[in-house]
Amino acid sequence: PPGPAAARFLPQDVELLGQRVPAGSAMVFLVAAANRDDRQFDDPE
């Protein structure tokens, strides 16, 4: 993917994967990693 990541800001606390991510944090969504997740794609590499 030409754009490998997208970032967002958290205006409030978020519970994610059993952890608390505090308000005011920056979250980066690693699109390029997600696009090669074997939970979604067979033999993704």
PDB file of all heavy atoms in Angstrom:
ATOM      1  N   PRO A   1       0.819  -1.211   0.000  1.00  0.00           N
ATOM      2  CA  PRO A   1       0.000   0.000   0.000  1.00  0.00           C
ATOM      3  C   PRO A   1       0.854   1.264   0.000  1.00  0.00           C
ATOM      4  O   PRO A   1       1.774   1.386   0.806  1.00  0.00           O
ATOM      5  CB  PRO A   1      -0.813  -0.117   1.290  1.00  0.00           C
ATOM      6  CG  PRO A   1      -0.027  -1.037   2.164  1.00  0.00           C
ATOM      7  CD  PRO A   1       0.671  -1.992   1.247  1.00  0.00           C
ATOM      8  N   PRO A   2       0.566   2.223  -0.891  1.00  0.00           N
ATOM      9  CA  PRO A   2       1.340   3.470  -0.896  1.00  0.00           C
ATOM     10  C   PRO A   2       1.245   4.237   0.415  1.00  0.00           C
ATOM     11  O   PRO A   2       2.201   4.902   0.816  1.00  0.00           O
ATOM     12  CB  PRO A   2       0.695   4.257  -2.048  1.00  0.00           C
ATOM     13  CG  PRO A   2       0.131   3.214  -2.959  1.00  0.00           C
ATOM     14  CD  PRO A   2      -0.369   2.145  -2.032  1.00  0.00           C
ATOM     15  N   GLY A   3       0.103   4.163   1.075  1.00  0.00           N
ATOM     16  CA  GLY A   3      -0.041   4.783   2.387  1.00  0.00           C
ATOM     17  C   GLY A   3      -0.076   3.703   3.443  1.00  0.00           C
ATOM     18  O   GLY A   3      -1.126   3.096   3.687  1.00  0.00           O
ATOM     19  N   PRO A   4       1.056   3.397   4.100  1.00  0.00           N
ATOM     20  CA  PRO A   4       1.114   2.218   4.981  1.00  0.00           C
ATOM     21  C   PRO A   4       0.458   2.380   6.341  1.00  0.00           C
ATOM     22  O   PRO A   4       0.277   1.397   7.053  1.00  0.00           O
ATOM     23  CB  PRO A   4       2.620   1.989   5.147  1.00  0.00           C
ATOM     24  CG  PRO A   4       3.235   3.338   4.937  1.00  0.00           C
ATOM     25  CD  PRO A   4       2.366   4.046   3.937  1.00  0.00           C
ATOM     26  N   ALA A   5       0.098   3.604   6.720  1.00  0.00           N
ATOM     27  CA  ALA A   5      -0.457   3.812   8.058  1.00  0.00           C
ATOM     28  C   ALA A   5      -1.377   5.018   8.064  1.00  0.00           C
ATOM     29  O   ALA A   5      -1.251   5.930   7.247  1.00  0.00           O
ATOM     30  CB  ALA A   5       0.668   4.009   9.080  1.00  0.00           C
ATOM     31  N   ALA A   6      -2.322   5.015   9.003  1.00  0.00           N
ATOM     32  CA  ALA A   6      -3.212   6.158   9.228  1.00  0.00           C
ATOM     33  C   ALA A   6      -3.285   6.397  10.724  1.00  0.00           C
ATOM     34  O   ALA A   6      -3.377   5.443  11.505  1.00  0.00           O
ATOM     35  CB  ALA A   6      -4.611   5.883   8.665  1.00  0.00           C
ATOM     36  N   ALA A   7      -3.234   7.641  11.135  1.00  0.00           N
ATOM     37  CA  ALA A   7      -3.219   7.973  12.558  1.00  0.00           C
ATOM     38  C   ALA A   7      -4.522   8.664  12.962  1.00  0.00           C
ATOM     39  O   ALA A   7      -5.185   9.307  12.149  1.00  0.00           O
ATOM     40  CB  ALA A   7      -2.032   8.871  12.882  1.00  0.00           C
ATOM     41  N   ARG A   8      -4.881   8.518  14.224  1.00  0.00           N
ATOM     42  CA  ARG A   8      -6.068   9.149  14.785  1.00  0.00           C
ATOM     43  C   ARG A   8      -5.763   9.618  16.212  1.00  0.00           C
ATOM     44  O   ARG A   8      -4.821   9.148  16.854  1.00  0.00           O
ATOM     45  CB  ARG A   8      -7.260   8.177  14.815  1.00  0.00           C
ATOM     46  CG  ARG A   8      -7.725   7.678  13.454  1.00  0.00           C
ATOM     47  CD  ARG A   8      -8.408   8.751  12.647  1.00  0.00           C
ATOM     48  NE  ARG A   8      -9.027   8.224  11.442  1.00  0.00           N
ATOM     49  CZ  ARG A   8      -8.425   8.162  10.256  1.00  0.00           C
ATOM     50  NH1 ARG A   8      -7.173   8.592  10.125  1.00  0.00           N
ATOM     51  NH2 ARG A   8      -9.056   7.671   9.208  1.00  0.00           N
ATOM     52  N   PHE A   9      -6.612  10.505  16.719  1.00  0.00           N
ATOM     53  CA  PHE A   9      -6.490  11.043  18.077  1.00  0.00           C
ATOM     54  C   PHE A   9      -7.629  10.503  18.932  1.00  0.00           C
ATOM     55  O   PHE A   9      -8.759  10.364  18.448  1.00  0.00           O
ATOM     56  CB  PHE A   9      -6.551  12.573  18.022  1.00  0.00           C
ATOM     57  CG  PHE A   9      -6.469  13.249  19.367  1.00  0.00           C
ATOM     58  CD1 PHE A   9      -5.246  13.454  19.985  1.00  0.00           C
ATOM     59  CD2 PHE A   9      -7.631  13.691  20.003  1.00  0.00           C
ATOM     60  CE1 PHE A   9      -5.176  14.083  21.219  1.00  0.00           C
ATOM     61  CE2 PHE A   9      -7.571  14.322  21.237  1.00  0.00           C
ATOM     62  CZ  PHE A   9      -6.334  14.523  21.844  1.00  0.00           C
ATOM     63  N   LEU A  10      -7.337  10.198  20.196  1.00  0.00           N
ATOM     64  CA  LEU A  10      -8.351   9.675  21.112  1.00  0.00           C
ATOM     65  C   LEU A  10      -8.879  10.802  21.995  1.00  0.00           C
ATOM     66  O   LEU A  10      -8.142  11.310  22.863  1.00  0.00           O
ATOM     67  CB  LEU A  10      -7.776   8.570  22.000  1.00  0.00           C
ATOM     68  CG  LEU A  10      -7.738   7.147  21.429  1.00  0.00           C
ATOM     69  CD1 LEU A  10      -6.787   7.061  20.246  1.00  0.00           C
ATOM     70  CD2 LEU A  10      -7.366   6.150  22.506  1.00  0.00           C
ATOM     71  N   PRO A  11     -10.141  11.222  21.819  1.00  0.00           N
ATOM     72  CA  PRO A  11     -10.700  12.264  22.682  1.00  0.00           C
ATOM     73  C   PRO A  11     -11.120  11.742  24.056  1.00  0.00           C
ATOM     74  O   PRO A  11     -11.392  12.525  24.956  1.00  0.00           O
ATOM     75  CB  PRO A  11     -11.918  12.752  21.889  1.00  0.00           C
ATOM     76  CG  PRO A  11     -12.345  11.562  21.096  1.00  0.00           C
ATOM     77  CD  PRO A  11     -11.084  10.811  20.761  1.00  0.00           C
ATOM     78  N   GLN A  12     -11.168  10.417  24.192  1.00  0.00           N
ATOM     79  CA  GLN A  12     -11.554   9.803  25.465  1.00  0.00           C
ATOM     80  C   GLN A  12     -10.836   8.469  25.607  1.00  0.00           C
ATOM     81  O   GLN A  12     -10.278   7.948  24.638  1.00  0.00           O
ATOM     82  CB  GLN A  12     -13.068   9.577  25.501  1.00  0.00           C
ATOM     83  CG  GLN A  12     -13.567   8.711  24.354  1.00  0.00           C
ATOM     84  CD  GLN A  12     -15.058   8.821  24.118  1.00  0.00           C
ATOM     85  OE1 GLN A  12     -15.676   9.791  24.531  1.00  0.00           O
ATOM     86  NE2 GLN A  12     -15.628   7.820  23.466  1.00  0.00           N
ATOM     87  N   ASP A  13     -10.836   7.912  26.823  1.00  0.00           N
ATOM     88  CA  ASP A  13     -10.215   6.609  27.041  1.00  0.00           C
ATOM     89  C   ASP A  13     -10.887   5.557  26.162  1.00  0.00           C
ATOM     90  O   ASP A  13     -12.095   5.603  25.911  1.00  0.00           O
ATOM     91  CB  ASP A  13     -10.366   6.182  28.509  1.00  0.00           C
ATOM     92  CG  ASP A  13      -9.520   7.015  29.460  1.00  0.00           C
ATOM     93  OD1 ASP A  13      -8.822   7.926  28.986  1.00  0.00           O
ATOM     94  OD2 ASP A  13      -9.590   6.759  30.669  1.00  0.00           O
ATOM     95  N   VAL A  14     -10.073   4.597  25.719  1.00  0.00           N
ATOM     96  CA  VAL A  14     -10.581   3.480  24.933  1.00  0.00           C
ATOM     97  C   VAL A  14     -10.062   2.189  25.536  1.00  0.00           C
ATOM     98  O   VAL A  14      -8.881   2.086  25.890  1.00  0.00           O
ATOM     99  CB  VAL A  14     -10.134   3.591  23.455  1.00  0.00           C
ATOM    100  CG1 VAL A  14     -10.439   2.298  22.702  1.00  0.00           C
ATOM    101  CG2 VAL A  14     -10.818   4.771  22.780  1.00  0.00           C
ATOM    102  N   GLU A  15     -10.942   1.200  25.683  1.00  0.00           N
ATOM    103  CA  GLU A  15     -10.531  -0.131  26.096  1.00  0.00           C
ATOM    104  C   GLU A  15     -10.287  -0.956  24.832  1.00  0.00           C
ATOM    105  O   GLU A  15     -11.188  -1.114  24.010  1.00  0.00           O
ATOM    106  CB  GLU A  15     -11.621  -0.793  26.943  1.00  0.00           C
ATOM    107  CG  GLU A  15     -11.804  -0.167  28.315  1.00  0.00           C
ATOM    108  CD  GLU A  15     -10.580  -0.346  29.218  1.00  0.00           C
ATOM    109  OE1 GLU A  15      -9.938  -1.426  29.134  1.00  0.00           O
ATOM    110  OE2 GLU A  15     -10.273   0.575  29.994  1.00  0.00           O
ATOM    111  N   LEU A  16      -9.076  -1.463  24.703  1.00  0.00           N
ATOM    112  CA  LEU A  16      -8.705  -2.171  23.480  1.00  0.00           C
ATOM    113  C   LEU A  16      -7.778  -3.320  23.818  1.00  0.00           C
ATOM    114  O   LEU A  16      -6.749  -3.123  24.484  1.00  0.00           O
ATOM    115  CB  LEU A  16      -8.026  -1.205  22.507  1.00  0.00           C
ATOM    116  CG  LEU A  16      -7.626  -1.744  21.133  1.00  0.00           C
ATOM    117  CD1 LEU A  16      -8.846  -2.230  20.362  1.00  0.00           C
ATOM    118  CD2 LEU A  16      -6.884  -0.682  20.338  1.00  0.00           C
ATOM    119  N   LEU A  17      -8.149  -4.507  23.386  1.00  0.00           N
ATOM    120  CA  LEU A  17      -7.341  -5.706  23.607  1.00  0.00           C
ATOM    121  C   LEU A  17      -6.956  -5.869  25.076  1.00  0.00           C
ATOM    122  O   LEU A  17      -5.825  -6.222  25.416  1.00  0.00           O
ATOM    123  CB  LEU A  17      -6.081  -5.661  22.717  1.00  0.00           C
ATOM    124  CG  LEU A  17      -6.360  -5.693  21.201  1.00  0.00           C
ATOM    125  CD1 LEU A  17      -5.072  -5.470  20.408  1.00  0.00           C
ATOM    126  CD2 LEU A  17      -6.976  -7.035  20.799  1.00  0.00           C
ATOM    127  N   GLY A  18      -7.919  -5.594  25.950  1.00  0.00           N
ATOM    128  CA  GLY A  18      -7.708  -5.777  27.381  1.00  0.00           C
ATOM    129  C   GLY A  18      -6.896  -4.700  28.053  1.00  0.00           C
ATOM    130  O   GLY A  18      -6.529  -4.840  29.226  1.00  0.00           O
ATOM    131  N   GLN A  19      -6.610  -3.617  27.343  1.00  0.00           N
ATOM    132  CA  GLN A  19      -5.826  -2.529  27.911  1.00  0.00           C
ATOM    133  C   GLN A  19      -6.583  -1.217  27.759  1.00  0.00           C
ATOM    134  O   GLN A  19      -7.429  -1.061  26.890  1.00  0.00           O
ATOM    135  CB  GLN A  19      -4.470  -2.412  27.208  1.00  0.00           C
ATOM    136  CG  GLN A  19      -3.583  -3.644  27.313  1.00  0.00           C
ATOM    137  CD  GLN A  19      -2.244  -3.437  26.636  1.00  0.00           C
ATOM    138  OE1 GLN A  19      -1.538  -2.486  26.920  1.00  0.00           O
ATOM    139  NE2 GLN A  19      -1.895  -4.342  25.737  1.00  0.00           N
ATOM    140  N   ARG A  20      -6.233  -0.268  28.628  1.00  0.00           N
ATOM    141  CA  ARG A  20      -6.806   1.075  28.534  1.00  0.00           C
ATOM    142  C   ARG A  20      -5.833   1.974  27.786  1.00  0.00           C
ATOM    143  O   ARG A  20      -4.672   2.106  28.164  1.00  0.00           O
ATOM    144  CB  ARG A  20      -7.071   1.653  29.928  1.00  0.00           C
ATOM    145  CG  ARG A  20      -7.744   3.047  29.892  1.00  0.00           C
ATOM    146  CD  ARG A  20      -7.931   3.590  31.295  1.00  0.00           C
ATOM    147  NE  ARG A  20      -6.654   3.924  31.907  1.00  0.00           N
ATOM    148  CZ  ARG A  20      -6.037   5.112  31.774  1.00  0.00           C
ATOM    149  NH1 ARG A  20      -6.590   6.075  31.060  1.00  0.00           N
ATOM    150  NH2 ARG A  20      -4.881   5.328  32.373  1.00  0.00           N
ATOM    151  N   VAL A  21      -6.320   2.588  26.724  1.00  0.00           N
ATOM    152  CA  VAL A  21      -5.533   3.590  26.003  1.00  0.00           C
ATOM    153  C   VAL A  21      -6.083   4.947  26.419  1.00  0.00           C
ATOM    154  O   VAL A  21      -7.268   5.232  26.188  1.00  0.00           O
ATOM    155  CB  VAL A  21      -5.634   3.408  24.475  1.00  0.00           C
ATOM    156  CG1 VAL A  21      -4.749   4.416  23.762  1.00  0.00           C
ATOM    157  CG2 VAL A  21      -5.255   1.979  24.084  1.00  0.00           C
ATOM    158  N   PRO A  22      -5.275   5.798  27.042  1.00  0.00           N
ATOM    159  CA  PRO A  22      -5.821   7.017  27.659  1.00  0.00           C
ATOM    160  C   PRO A  22      -6.200   8.086  26.648  1.00  0.00           C
ATOM    161  O   PRO A  22      -5.636   8.178  25.560  1.00  0.00           O
ATOM    162  CB  PRO A  22      -4.673   7.499  28.555  1.00  0.00           C
ATOM    163  CG  PRO A  22      -3.435   6.934  27.942  1.00  0.00           C
ATOM    164  CD  PRO A  22      -3.839   5.619  27.339  1.00  0.00           C
ATOM    165  N   ALA A  23      -7.167   8.910  27.036  1.00  0.00           N
ATOM    166  CA  ALA A  23      -7.543  10.071  26.229  1.00  0.00           C
ATOM    167  C   ALA A  23      -6.318  10.939  25.964  1.00  0.00           C
ATOM    168  O   ALA A  23      -5.427  11.050  26.816  1.00  0.00           O
ATOM    169  CB  ALA A  23      -8.620  10.877  26.959  1.00  0.00           C
ATOM    170  N   GLY A  24      -6.288  11.528  24.788  1.00  0.00           N
ATOM    171  CA  GLY A  24      -5.153  12.362  24.410  1.00  0.00           C
ATOM    172  C   GLY A  24      -4.061  11.610  23.681  1.00  0.00           C
ATOM    173  O   GLY A  24      -3.083  12.208  23.233  1.00  0.00           O
ATOM    174  N   SER A  25      -4.222  10.294  23.548  1.00  0.00           N
ATOM    175  CA  SER A  25      -3.212   9.486  22.863  1.00  0.00           C
ATOM    176  C   SER A  25      -3.356   9.594  21.347  1.00  0.00           C
ATOM    177  O   SER A  25      -4.418   9.934  20.821  1.00  0.00           O
ATOM    178  CB  SER A  25      -3.331   8.014  23.269  1.00  0.00           C
ATOM    179  OG  SER A  25      -3.089   7.838  24.639  1.00  0.00           O
ATOM    180  N   ALA A  26      -2.283   9.263  20.663  1.00  0.00           N
ATOM    181  CA  ALA A  26      -2.310   9.082  19.212  1.00  0.00           C
ATOM    182  C   ALA A  26      -2.292   7.593  18.924  1.00  0.00           C
ATOM    183  O   ALA A  26      -1.503   6.844  19.515  1.00  0.00           O
ATOM    184  CB  ALA A  26      -1.106   9.762  18.562  1.00  0.00           C
ATOM    185  N   MET A  27      -3.170   7.160  18.017  1.00  0.00           N
ATOM    186  CA  MET A  27      -3.233   5.763  17.601  1.00  0.00           C
ATOM    187  C   MET A  27      -2.876   5.667  16.127  1.00  0.00           C
ATOM    188  O   MET A  27      -3.440   6.397  15.305  1.00  0.00           O
ATOM    189  CB  MET A  27      -4.633   5.197  17.831  1.00  0.00           C
ATOM    190  CG  MET A  27      -4.818   3.758  17.348  1.00  0.00           C
ATOM    191  SD  MET A  27      -3.859   2.569  18.327  1.00  0.00           S
ATOM    192  CE  MET A  27      -4.823   2.571  19.859  1.00  0.00           C
ATOM    193  N   VAL A  28      -1.960   4.769  15.800  1.00  0.00           N
ATOM    194  CA  VAL A  28      -1.569   4.539  14.407  1.00  0.00           C
ATOM    195  C   VAL A  28      -2.129   3.193  13.964  1.00  0.00           C
ATOM    196  O   VAL A  28      -1.867   2.165  14.598  1.00  0.00           O
ATOM    197  CB  VAL A  28      -0.040   4.564  14.243  1.00  0.00           C
ATOM    198  CG1 VAL A  28       0.342   4.255  12.799  1.00  0.00           C
ATOM    199  CG2 VAL A  28       0.519   5.924  14.651  1.00  0.00           C
ATOM    200  N   PHE A  29      -2.909   3.219  12.917  1.00  0.00           N
ATOM    201  CA  PHE A  29      -3.446   1.995  12.331  1.00  0.00           C
ATOM    202  C   PHE A  29      -2.508   1.557  11.212  1.00  0.00           C
ATOM    203  O   PHE A  29      -2.391   2.246  10.190  1.00  0.00           O
ATOM    204  CB  PHE A  29      -4.861   2.230  11.805  1.00  0.00           C
ATOM    205  CG  PHE A  29      -5.842   2.595  12.879  1.00  0.00           C
ATOM    206  CD1 PHE A  29      -6.285   3.902  13.023  1.00  0.00           C
ATOM    207  CD2 PHE A  29      -6.292   1.641  13.769  1.00  0.00           C
ATOM    208  CE1 PHE A  29      -7.177   4.242  14.020  1.00  0.00           C
ATOM    209  CE2 PHE A  29      -7.183   1.967  14.786  1.00  0.00           C
ATOM    210  CZ  PHE A  29      -7.623   3.272  14.913  1.00  0.00           C
ATOM    211  N   LEU A  30      -1.829   0.428  11.428  1.00  0.00           N
ATOM    212  CA  LEU A  30      -0.817  -0.043  10.483  1.00  0.00           C
ATOM    213  C   LEU A  30      -1.494  -0.826   9.360  1.00  0.00           C
ATOM    214  O   LEU A  30      -1.577  -2.054   9.383  1.00  0.00           O
ATOM    215  CB  LEU A  30       0.216  -0.900  11.213  1.00  0.00           C
ATOM    216  CG  LEU A  30       1.091  -0.132  12.215  1.00  0.00           C
ATOM    217  CD1 LEU A  30       1.975  -1.086  13.007  1.00  0.00           C
ATOM    218  CD2 LEU A  30       1.938   0.911  11.505  1.00  0.00           C
ATOM    219  N   VAL A  31      -1.962  -0.085   8.397  1.00  0.00           N
ATOM    220  CA  VAL A  31      -2.693  -0.659   7.272  1.00  0.00           C
ATOM    221  C   VAL A  31      -1.860  -1.705   6.540  1.00  0.00           C
ATOM    222  O   VAL A  31      -2.360  -2.773   6.162  1.00  0.00           O
ATOM    223  CB  VAL A  31      -3.137   0.471   6.319  1.00  0.00           C
ATOM    224  CG1 VAL A  31      -3.636  -0.084   4.995  1.00  0.00           C
ATOM    225  CG2 VAL A  31      -4.201   1.335   6.988  1.00  0.00           C
ATOM    226  N   ALA A  32      -0.588  -1.401   6.325  1.00  0.00           N
ATOM    227  CA  ALA A  32       0.269  -2.342   5.594  1.00  0.00           C
ATOM    228  C   ALA A  32       0.442  -3.651   6.357  1.00  0.00           C
ATOM    229  O   ALA A  32       0.574  -4.722   5.756  1.00  0.00           O
ATOM    230  CB  ALA A  32       1.631  -1.709   5.317  1.00  0.00           C
ATOM    231  N   ALA A  33       0.437  -3.586   7.680  1.00  0.00           N
ATOM    232  CA  ALA A  33       0.504  -4.813   8.482  1.00  0.00           C
ATOM    233  C   ALA A  33      -0.822  -5.552   8.424  1.00  0.00           C
ATOM    234  O   ALA A  33      -0.860  -6.786   8.294  1.00  0.00           O
ATOM    235  CB  ALA A  33       0.858  -4.466   9.925  1.00  0.00           C
ATOM    236  N   ALA A  34      -1.918  -4.822   8.518  1.00  0.00           N
ATOM    237  CA  ALA A  34      -3.244  -5.438   8.474  1.00  0.00           C
ATOM    238  C   ALA A  34      -3.490  -6.156   7.154  1.00  0.00           C
ATOM    239  O   ALA A  34      -4.122  -7.221   7.114  1.00  0.00           O
ATOM    240  CB  ALA A  34      -4.314  -4.374   8.695  1.00  0.00           C
ATOM    241  N   ASN A  35      -2.977  -5.583   6.073  1.00  0.00           N
ATOM    242  CA  ASN A  35      -3.164  -6.176   4.746  1.00  0.00           C
ATOM    243  C   ASN A  35      -2.406  -7.497   4.568  1.00  0.00           C
ATOM    244  O   ASN A  35      -2.611  -8.190   3.569  1.00  0.00           O
ATOM    245  CB  ASN A  35      -2.708  -5.204   3.659  1.00  0.00           C
ATOM    246  CG  ASN A  35      -3.743  -4.146   3.345  1.00  0.00           C
ATOM    247  OD1 ASN A  35      -4.863  -4.192   3.829  1.00  0.00           O
ATOM    248  ND2 ASN A  35      -3.367  -3.181   2.527  1.00  0.00           N
ATOM    249  N   ARG A  36      -1.537  -7.820   5.534  1.00  0.00           N
ATOM    250  CA  ARG A  36      -0.829  -9.103   5.480  1.00  0.00           C
ATOM    251  C   ARG A  36      -1.115  -9.953   6.717  1.00  0.00           C
ATOM    252  O   ARG A  36      -0.288 -10.772   7.135  1.00  0.00           O
ATOM    253  CB  ARG A  36       0.675  -8.873   5.314  1.00  0.00           C
ATOM    254  CG  ARG A  36       1.045  -8.193   4.000  1.00  0.00           C
ATOM    255  CD  ARG A  36       2.485  -8.442   3.654  1.00  0.00           C
ATOM    256  NE  ARG A  36       2.917  -7.693   2.482  1.00  0.00           N
ATOM    257  CZ  ARG A  36       4.088  -7.875   1.869  1.00  0.00           C
ATOM    258  NH1 ARG A  36       4.936  -8.790   2.330  1.00  0.00           N
ATOM    259  NH2 ARG A  36       4.416  -7.155   0.823  1.00  0.00           N
ATOM    260  N   ASP A  37      -2.290  -9.780   7.265  1.00  0.00           N
ATOM    261  CA  ASP A  37      -2.698 -10.541   8.444  1.00  0.00           C
ATOM    262  C   ASP A  37      -3.264 -11.884   7.998  1.00  0.00           C
ATOM    263  O   ASP A  37      -4.244 -11.939   7.244  1.00  0.00           O
ATOM    264  CB  ASP A  37      -3.742  -9.743   9.213  1.00  0.00           C
ATOM    265  CG  ASP A  37      -4.105 -10.366  10.556  1.00  0.00           C
ATOM    266  OD1 ASP A  37      -3.694 -11.524  10.813  1.00  0.00           O
ATOM    267  OD2 ASP A  37      -4.818  -9.706  11.331  1.00  0.00           O
ATOM    268  N   ASP A  38      -2.665 -12.981   8.482  1.00  0.00           N
ATOM    269  CA  ASP A  38      -3.140 -14.303   8.042  1.00  0.00           C
ATOM    270  C   ASP A  38      -4.483 -14.667   8.659  1.00  0.00           C
ATOM    271  O   ASP A  38      -5.077 -15.690   8.314  1.00  0.00           O
ATOM    272  CB  ASP A  38      -2.096 -15.386   8.317  1.00  0.00           C
ATOM    273  CG  ASP A  38      -1.726 -15.522   9.781  1.00  0.00           C
ATOM    274  OD1 ASP A  38      -2.414 -14.927  10.643  1.00  0.00           O
ATOM    275  OD2 ASP A  38      -0.736 -16.220  10.072  1.00  0.00           O
ATOM    276  N   ARG A  39      -4.996 -13.835   9.557  1.00  0.00           N
ATOM    277  CA  ARG A  39      -6.362 -14.034  10.050  1.00  0.00           C
ATOM    278  C   ARG A  39      -7.386 -13.600   9.000  1.00  0.00           C
ATOM    279  O   ARG A  39      -8.551 -14.008   9.068  1.00  0.00           O
ATOM    280  CB  ARG A  39      -6.583 -13.235  11.335  1.00  0.00           C
ATOM    281  CG  ARG A  39      -5.684 -13.665  12.497  1.00  0.00           C
ATOM    282  CD  ARG A  39      -5.598 -12.583  13.569  1.00  0.00           C
ATOM    283  NE  ARG A  39      -4.609 -12.933  14.574  1.00  0.00           N
ATOM    284  CZ  ARG A  39      -3.294 -12.749  14.429  1.00  0.00           C
ATOM    285  NH1 ARG A  39      -2.823 -12.220  13.313  1.00  0.00           N
ATOM    286  NH2 ARG A  39      -2.462 -13.096  15.383  1.00  0.00           N
ATOM    287  N   GLN A  40      -6.942 -12.780   8.057  1.00  0.00           N
ATOM    288  CA  GLN A  40      -7.828 -12.256   7.024  1.00  0.00           C
ATOM    289  C   GLN A  40      -7.525 -12.838   5.649  1.00  0.00           C
ATOM    290  O   GLN A  40      -8.433 -13.039   4.837  1.00  0.00           O
ATOM    291  CB  GLN A  40      -7.700 -10.723   6.970  1.00  0.00           C
ATOM    292  CG  GLN A  40      -8.546 -10.030   5.912  1.00  0.00           C
ATOM    293  CD  GLN A  40     -10.033 -10.054   6.254  1.00  0.00           C
ATOM    294  OE1 GLN A  40     -10.403 -10.334   7.397  1.00  0.00           O
ATOM    295  NE2 GLN A  40     -10.882  -9.763   5.272  1.00  0.00           N
ATOM    296  N   PHE A  41      -6.245 -13.120   5.378  1.00  0.00           N
ATOM    297  CA  PHE A  41      -5.827 -13.562   4.052  1.00  0.00           C
ATOM    298  C   PHE A  41      -5.019 -14.860   4.156  1.00  0.00           C
ATOM    299  O   PHE A  41      -4.180 -15.000   5.050  1.00  0.00           O
ATOM    300  CB  PHE A  41      -4.949 -12.501   3.369  1.00  0.00           C
ATOM    301  CG  PHE A  41      -5.593 -11.150   3.261  1.00  0.00           C
ATOM    302  CD1 PHE A  41      -5.274 -10.129   4.145  1.00  0.00           C
ATOM    303  CD2 PHE A  41      -6.530 -10.888   2.272  1.00  0.00           C
ATOM    304  CE1 PHE A  41      -5.866  -8.883   4.053  1.00  0.00           C
ATOM    305  CE2 PHE A  41      -7.127  -9.642   2.159  1.00  0.00           C
ATOM    306  CZ  PHE A  41      -6.797  -8.641   3.061  1.00  0.00           C
ATOM    307  N   ASP A  42      -5.256 -15.777   3.242  1.00  0.00           N
ATOM    308  CA  ASP A  42      -4.461 -16.997   3.174  1.00  0.00           C
ATOM    309  C   ASP A  42      -3.084 -16.677   2.599  1.00  0.00           C
ATOM    310  O   ASP A  42      -2.975 -16.004   1.569  1.00  0.00           O
ATOM    311  CB  ASP A  42      -5.155 -18.034   2.288  1.00  0.00           C
ATOM    312  CG  ASP A  42      -6.445 -18.556   2.901  1.00  0.00           C
ATOM    313  OD1 ASP A  42      -6.545 -18.566   4.153  1.00  0.00           O
ATOM    314  OD2 ASP A  42      -7.351 -18.928   2.131  1.00  0.00           O
ATOM    315  N   ASP A  43      -2.041 -17.181   3.273  1.00  0.00           N
ATOM    316  CA  ASP A  43      -0.665 -16.994   2.796  1.00  0.00           C
ATOM    317  C   ASP A  43      -0.431 -15.543   2.379  1.00  0.00           C
ATOM    318  O   ASP A  43      -0.069 -15.248   1.233  1.00  0.00           O
ATOM    319  CB  ASP A  43      -0.399 -17.943   1.616  1.00  0.00           C
ATOM    320  CG  ASP A  43       1.079 -18.100   1.317  1.00  0.00           C
ATOM    321  OD1 ASP A  43       1.906 -17.595   2.094  1.00  0.00           O
ATOM    322  OD2 ASP A  43       1.401 -18.707   0.269  1.00  0.00           O
ATOM    323  N   PRO A  44      -0.609 -14.588   3.298  1.00  0.00           N
ATOM    324  CA  PRO A  44      -0.648 -13.170   2.926  1.00  0.00           C
ATOM    325  C   PRO A  44       0.675 -12.597   2.446  1.00  0.00           C
ATOM    326  O   PRO A  44       0.683 -11.560   1.779  1.00  0.00           O
ATOM    327  CB  PRO A  44      -1.093 -12.482   4.213  1.00  0.00           C
ATOM    328  CG  PRO A  44      -0.652 -13.404   5.304  1.00  0.00           C
ATOM    329  CD  PRO A  44      -0.810 -14.773   4.749  1.00  0.00           C
ATOM    330  N   GLU A  45       1.812 -13.255   2.770  1.00  0.00           N
ATOM    331  CA  GLU A  45       3.104 -12.736   2.320  1.00  0.00           C
ATOM    332  C   GLU A  45       3.370 -13.068   0.851  1.00  0.00           C
ATOM    333  O   GLU A  45       4.344 -12.596   0.266  1.00  0.00           O
ATOM    334  CB  GLU A  45       4.233 -13.305   3.186  1.00  0.00           C
ATOM    335  CG  GLU A  45       4.095 -13.031   4.673  1.00  0.00           C
ATOM    336  CD  GLU A  45       4.344 -11.578   5.044  1.00  0.00           C
ATOM    337  OE1 GLU A  45       4.794 -10.810   4.166  1.00  0.00           O
ATOM    338  OE2 GLU A  45       4.067 -11.202   6.203  1.00  0.00           O
TER     339      GLU A  45
END
